[in-house]
Protein backbone atom coordinates (compact mmCIF):
# COMPACT_ATOMS: atom_id res chain seq x y z
CA UNK A 1 70.82 76.13 55.47
CA UNK A 2 72.15 76.78 58.95
CA UNK A 3 73.23 80.28 59.88
CA UNK A 4 77.00 80.76 60.11
CA UNK A 5 78.37 81.58 63.55
CA UNK A 6 80.46 84.67 64.20
CA UNK A 7 83.91 83.29 64.92
CA UNK A 8 87.42 84.67 65.35
CA UNK A 9 90.48 83.24 63.66
CA UNK A 10 91.82 81.89 66.94
CA UNK A 11 88.53 80.14 67.75
CA UNK A 12 88.36 78.64 64.25
CA UNK A 13 91.92 77.28 64.55
CA UNK A 14 90.97 75.68 67.88
CA UNK A 15 87.78 74.14 66.44
CA UNK A 16 89.57 72.78 63.37
CA UNK A 17 92.24 71.34 65.65
CA UNK A 18 89.53 69.28 67.33
CA UNK A 19 88.47 68.02 63.89
CA UNK A 20 91.92 66.71 62.92
CA UNK A 21 93.86 69.75 61.68
CA UNK A 22 97.20 70.77 63.19
CA UNK A 23 99.26 73.95 63.08
CA UNK A 24 101.75 73.95 60.20
CA UNK A 25 103.10 77.50 60.13
CA UNK A 26 102.15 81.16 60.30
CA UNK A 27 103.10 83.98 57.98
CA UNK A 28 102.00 87.39 59.15
CA UNK A 29 98.37 87.28 60.20
CA UNK A 30 97.58 84.04 58.36
CA UNK A 31 97.77 80.65 60.06
CA UNK A 32 98.23 77.56 57.90
CA UNK A 33 96.72 74.32 59.19
CA UNK A 34 97.40 70.85 57.82
CA UNK A 35 95.25 67.73 58.12
CA UNK A 36 96.96 65.00 60.19
CA UNK A 37 96.26 62.13 57.77
CA UNK A 38 96.26 61.72 54.01
CA UNK A 39 95.28 63.69 52.06
CA UNK A 40 97.31 66.40 53.78
CA UNK A 41 94.81 69.16 53.06
CA UNK A 42 96.01 72.67 53.94
CA UNK A 43 93.81 75.52 55.10
CA UNK A 44 94.79 79.16 55.48
CA UNK A 45 93.00 80.90 58.34
CA UNK A 46 93.16 84.70 58.74
CA UNK A 47 93.93 85.53 62.37
CA UNK A 48 91.31 88.29 62.65
CA UNK A 49 88.87 89.16 65.41
CA UNK A 50 85.97 88.23 63.16
CA UNK A 51 86.19 86.14 60.00
CA UNK A 52 83.86 87.31 57.25
CA UNK A 53 81.00 85.03 56.27
CA UNK A 54 82.26 84.38 52.75
CA UNK A 55 85.73 83.49 53.97
CA UNK A 56 84.35 81.19 56.67
CA UNK A 57 82.06 79.45 54.19
CA UNK A 58 84.98 78.96 51.80
CA UNK A 59 87.19 77.50 54.56
CA UNK A 60 84.46 75.08 55.62
CA UNK A 61 83.85 74.03 52.02
CA UNK A 62 87.56 73.30 51.45
CA UNK A 63 87.72 71.35 54.71
CA UNK A 64 84.56 69.38 53.89
CA UNK A 65 82.94 70.39 57.18
CA UNK A 66 79.28 71.25 57.67
CA UNK A 67 78.21 74.30 59.65
CA UNK A 68 76.53 72.01 62.20
CA UNK A 69 79.81 70.15 62.79
CA UNK A 70 81.63 73.43 63.38
CA UNK A 71 78.99 74.58 65.86
CA UNK A 72 79.32 71.34 67.83
CA UNK A 73 83.07 71.77 68.40
CA UNK A 74 82.96 75.52 69.13
């Protein structure tokens, strides 16, 4: 298993944008992204300086993205 990178919420939103997600809305410190094509999968990203490992792993699992794919677009 590949080690998770330390990533901020802003960097994760940028990386997911390169993988097909677009900004939907923001409520407080949480940014909601939506996949451009069907199925319109939604992800909630906390806009923190550093996203915890468990939260990052959960986001990647819901998005169906491998850690290696994330590291390529960061």
